[in-house]
Amino acid sequence: MKKFLSNYKSTIILLVAIIVGAIVGIIFQEKATVLQPLGDIFVNLLLVVIVPLIFLTITTSIAKMKSPKRFGKIMVTIICVFVITTVIALLIGFAVTSFTKLVDTEDRRNDKSFFRR
């Protein structure tokens, strides 16, 4: 158990934080928007760290290759992973948003100023 906690400590902390955030959002509803700047800072810091980390990982793996044949295999694998994760994200997005009405088309049809643009 001690090894499990040491290996997955950051993942467990992240999952607990997501659960606590969801509970706070459910309980406090509109008042929880006070915490939005903290969430925005966290997401922006993740983007600042993750994007360069992925770029450096890919470029160093390409630079350390000894045979050019592996380059094609690695690039195909990278492209496949990006395409598969993009398709999965799209499917999740479509599945989640298909249950909600995001745009009320009746309001747009009755709004004359929308068509004058």
C-alpha atoms as a PDB file:
ATOM      1  CA  MET A   1       0.000   0.000   0.000  1.00  0.00           C
ATOM      2  CA  LYS A   2       2.869   2.358   0.793  1.00  0.00           C
ATOM      3  CA  LYS A   3       4.406   1.780  -2.651  1.00  0.00           C
ATOM      4  CA  PHE A   4       1.018   2.348  -4.307  1.00  0.00           C
ATOM      5  CA  LEU A   5       0.579   5.686  -2.522  1.00  0.00           C
ATOM      6  CA  SER A   6       4.103   6.810  -3.378  1.00  0.00           C
ATOM      7  CA  ASN A   7       3.629   5.920  -7.058  1.00  0.00           C
ATOM      8  CA  TYR A   8       0.160   7.424  -7.489  1.00  0.00           C
ATOM      9  CA  LYS A   9       0.232  10.257  -4.948  1.00  0.00           C
ATOM     10  CA  SER A  10      -0.150  13.094  -7.462  1.00  0.00           C
ATOM     11  CA  THR A  11      -2.891  11.268  -9.373  1.00  0.00           C
ATOM     12  CA  ILE A  12      -4.827  10.629  -6.162  1.00  0.00           C
ATOM     13  CA  ILE A  13      -4.451  14.270  -5.119  1.00  0.00           C
ATOM     14  CA  LEU A  14      -5.733  15.402  -8.531  1.00  0.00           C
ATOM     15  CA  LEU A  15      -8.764  13.091  -8.384  1.00  0.00           C
ATOM     16  CA  VAL A  16      -9.582  14.179  -4.823  1.00  0.00           C
ATOM     17  CA  ALA A  17      -9.288  17.836  -5.898  1.00  0.00           C
ATOM     18  CA  ILE A  18     -11.682  17.217  -8.814  1.00  0.00           C
ATOM     19  CA  ILE A  19     -14.190  15.550  -6.488  1.00  0.00           C
ATOM     20  CA  VAL A  20     -13.890  18.338  -3.892  1.00  0.00           C
ATOM     21  CA  GLY A  21     -14.310  20.952  -6.646  1.00  0.00           C
ATOM     22  CA  ALA A  22     -17.433  19.216  -7.923  1.00  0.00           C
ATOM     23  CA  ILE A  23     -18.885  19.042  -4.414  1.00  0.00           C
ATOM     24  CA  VAL A  24     -18.103  22.723  -3.782  1.00  0.00           C
ATOM     25  CA  GLY A  25     -19.736  23.610  -7.123  1.00  0.00           C
ATOM     26  CA  ILE A  26     -22.858  21.615  -6.299  1.00  0.00           C
ATOM     27  CA  ILE A  27     -23.195  23.030  -2.794  1.00  0.00           C
ATOM     28  CA  PHE A  28     -22.298  26.689  -3.356  1.00  0.00           C
ATOM     29  CA  GLN A  29     -23.391  26.963  -7.027  1.00  0.00           C
ATOM     30  CA  GLU A  30     -22.984  30.602  -8.171  1.00  0.00           C
ATOM     31  CA  LYS A  31     -20.911  31.580  -5.113  1.00  0.00           C
ATOM     32  CA  ALA A  32     -18.220  29.100  -6.183  1.00  0.00           C
ATOM     33  CA  THR A  33     -17.263  31.337  -9.118  1.00  0.00           C
ATOM     34  CA  VAL A  34     -15.079  33.245  -6.656  1.00  0.00           C
ATOM     35  CA  LEU A  35     -12.613  30.357  -7.016  1.00  0.00           C
ATOM     36  CA  GLN A  36     -12.542  30.557 -10.825  1.00  0.00           C
ATOM     37  CA  PRO A  37      -9.267  32.559 -11.010  1.00  0.00           C
ATOM     38  CA  LEU A  38      -7.489  29.751  -9.144  1.00  0.00           C
ATOM     39  CA  GLY A  39      -8.772  27.204 -11.654  1.00  0.00           C
ATOM     40  CA  ASP A  40      -7.770  29.430 -14.578  1.00  0.00           C
ATOM     41  CA  ILE A  41      -4.258  29.849 -13.180  1.00  0.00           C
ATOM     42  CA  PHE A  42      -3.966  26.084 -12.682  1.00  0.00           C
ATOM     43  CA  VAL A  43      -5.065  25.290 -16.248  1.00  0.00           C
ATOM     44  CA  ASN A  44      -2.740  27.936 -17.704  1.00  0.00           C
ATOM     45  CA  LEU A  45       0.201  26.603 -15.668  1.00  0.00           C
ATOM     46  CA  LEU A  46      -0.571  23.096 -16.931  1.00  0.00           C
ATOM     47  CA  LEU A  47      -0.509  24.344 -20.518  1.00  0.00           C
ATOM     48  CA  VAL A  48       2.777  26.156 -19.900  1.00  0.00           C
ATOM     49  CA  VAL A  49       4.361  22.960 -18.579  1.00  0.00           C
ATOM     50  CA  ILE A  50       2.728  20.202 -20.649  1.00  0.00           C
ATOM     51  CA  VAL A  51       3.117  21.594 -24.175  1.00  0.00           C
ATOM     52  CA  PRO A  52       6.895  22.173 -23.937  1.00  0.00           C
ATOM     53  CA  LEU A  53       7.311  18.850 -22.130  1.00  0.00           C
ATOM     54  CA  ILE A  54       5.615  16.939 -24.946  1.00  0.00           C
ATOM     55  CA  PHE A  55       7.585  18.866 -27.572  1.00  0.00           C
ATOM     56  CA  LEU A  56      10.907  18.206 -25.838  1.00  0.00           C
ATOM     57  CA  THR A  57      10.089  14.533 -25.328  1.00  0.00           C
ATOM     58  CA  ILE A  58       9.329  14.055 -29.020  1.00  0.00           C
ATOM     59  CA  THR A  59      12.348  16.038 -30.236  1.00  0.00           C
ATOM     60  CA  THR A  60      14.815  14.329 -27.892  1.00  0.00           C
ATOM     61  CA  SER A  61      13.511  10.900 -28.859  1.00  0.00           C
ATOM     62  CA  ILE A  62      13.994  11.780 -32.526  1.00  0.00           C
ATOM     63  CA  ALA A  63      17.448  13.225 -31.864  1.00  0.00           C
ATOM     64  CA  LYS A  64      18.604  10.101 -29.998  1.00  0.00           C
ATOM     65  CA  MET A  65      17.568   7.704 -32.765  1.00  0.00           C
ATOM     66  CA  LYS A  66      20.365   5.647 -34.242  1.00  0.00           C
ATOM     67  CA  SER A  67      18.599   4.341 -37.312  1.00  0.00           C
ATOM     68  CA  PRO A  68      16.484   6.447 -39.662  1.00  0.00           C
ATOM     69  CA  LYS A  69      14.025   3.561 -40.102  1.00  0.00           C
ATOM     70  CA  ARG A  70      12.763   4.111 -36.566  1.00  0.00           C
ATOM     71  CA  PHE A  71      11.869   7.730 -37.391  1.00  0.00           C
ATOM     72  CA  GLY A  72       9.011   6.660 -39.656  1.00  0.00           C
ATOM     73  CA  LYS A  73       7.710   4.186 -37.103  1.00  0.00           C
ATOM     74  CA  ILE A  74       7.821   6.756 -34.314  1.00  0.00           C
ATOM     75  CA  MET A  75       6.123   9.432 -36.445  1.00  0.00           C
ATOM     76  CA  VAL A  76       3.352   7.023 -37.462  1.00  0.00           C
ATOM     77  CA  THR A  77       2.858   6.085 -33.814  1.00  0.00           C
ATOM     78  CA  ILE A  78       2.758   9.744 -32.741  1.00  0.00           C
ATOM     79  CA  ILE A  79       0.249  10.671 -35.448  1.00  0.00           C
ATOM     80  CA  CYS A  80      -1.918   7.645 -34.626  1.00  0.00           C
ATOM     81  CA  VAL A  81      -1.949   8.536 -30.930  1.00  0.00           C
ATOM     82  CA  PHE A  82      -2.908  12.148 -31.705  1.00  0.00           C
ATOM     83  CA  VAL A  83      -5.672  11.073 -34.105  1.00  0.00           C
ATOM     84  CA  ILE A  84      -7.058   8.447 -31.715  1.00  0.00           C
ATOM     85  CA  THR A  85      -7.069  10.800 -28.719  1.00  0.00           C
ATOM     86  CA  THR A  86      -8.687  13.520 -30.839  1.00  0.00           C
ATOM     87  CA  VAL A  87     -11.428  11.136 -31.989  1.00  0.00           C
ATOM     88  CA  ILE A  88     -12.002   9.992 -28.402  1.00  0.00           C
ATOM     89  CA  ALA A  89     -12.235  13.620 -27.227  1.00  0.00           C
ATOM     90  CA  LEU A  90     -14.692  14.417 -30.041  1.00  0.00           C
ATOM     91  CA  LEU A  91     -16.864  11.416 -29.216  1.00  0.00           C
ATOM     92  CA  ILE A  92     -16.926  12.321 -25.534  1.00  0.00           C
ATOM     93  CA  GLY A  93     -17.748  15.930 -26.412  1.00  0.00           C
ATOM     94  CA  PHE A  94     -20.559  14.923 -28.748  1.00  0.00           C
ATOM     95  CA  ALA A  95     -21.933  12.402 -26.246  1.00  0.00           C
ATOM     96  CA  VAL A  96     -21.952  14.894 -23.393  1.00  0.00           C
ATOM     97  CA  THR A  97     -23.409  17.791 -25.370  1.00  0.00           C
ATOM     98  CA  SER A  98     -26.040  15.748 -27.221  1.00  0.00           C
ATOM     99  CA  PHE A  99     -28.175  15.655 -24.074  1.00  0.00           C
ATOM    100  CA  THR A 100     -28.284  19.424 -23.703  1.00  0.00           C
ATOM    101  CA  LYS A 101     -29.784  22.095 -25.900  1.00  0.00           C
ATOM    102  CA  LEU A 102     -26.871  24.473 -26.420  1.00  0.00           C
ATOM    103  CA  VAL A 103     -28.559  26.865 -28.859  1.00  0.00           C
ATOM    104  CA  ASP A 104     -32.201  27.851 -28.819  1.00  0.00           C
ATOM    105  CA  THR A 105     -33.009  28.158 -32.521  1.00  0.00           C
ATOM    106  CA  GLU A 106     -36.405  29.735 -31.875  1.00  0.00           C
ATOM    107  CA  ASP A 107     -34.777  32.793 -30.301  1.00  0.00           C
ATOM    108  CA  ARG A 108     -32.542  33.298 -33.342  1.00  0.00           C
ATOM    109  CA  ARG A 109     -35.427  33.051 -35.804  1.00  0.00           C
ATOM    110  CA  ASN A 110     -37.418  35.703 -33.949  1.00  0.00           C
ATOM    111  CA  ASP A 111     -34.447  38.059 -33.531  1.00  0.00           C
ATOM    112  CA  LYS A 112     -34.502  40.425 -36.531  1.00  0.00           C
ATOM    113  CA  SER A 113     -31.262  42.171 -35.541  1.00  0.00           C
ATOM    114  CA  PHE A 114     -29.362  38.886 -35.942  1.00  0.00           C
ATOM    115  CA  PHE A 115     -30.086  38.782 -39.656  1.00  0.00           C
ATOM    116  CA  ARG A 116     -29.075  42.407 -40.290  1.00  0.00           C
ATOM    117  CA  ARG A 117     -25.378  41.786 -39.550  1.00  0.00           C
END
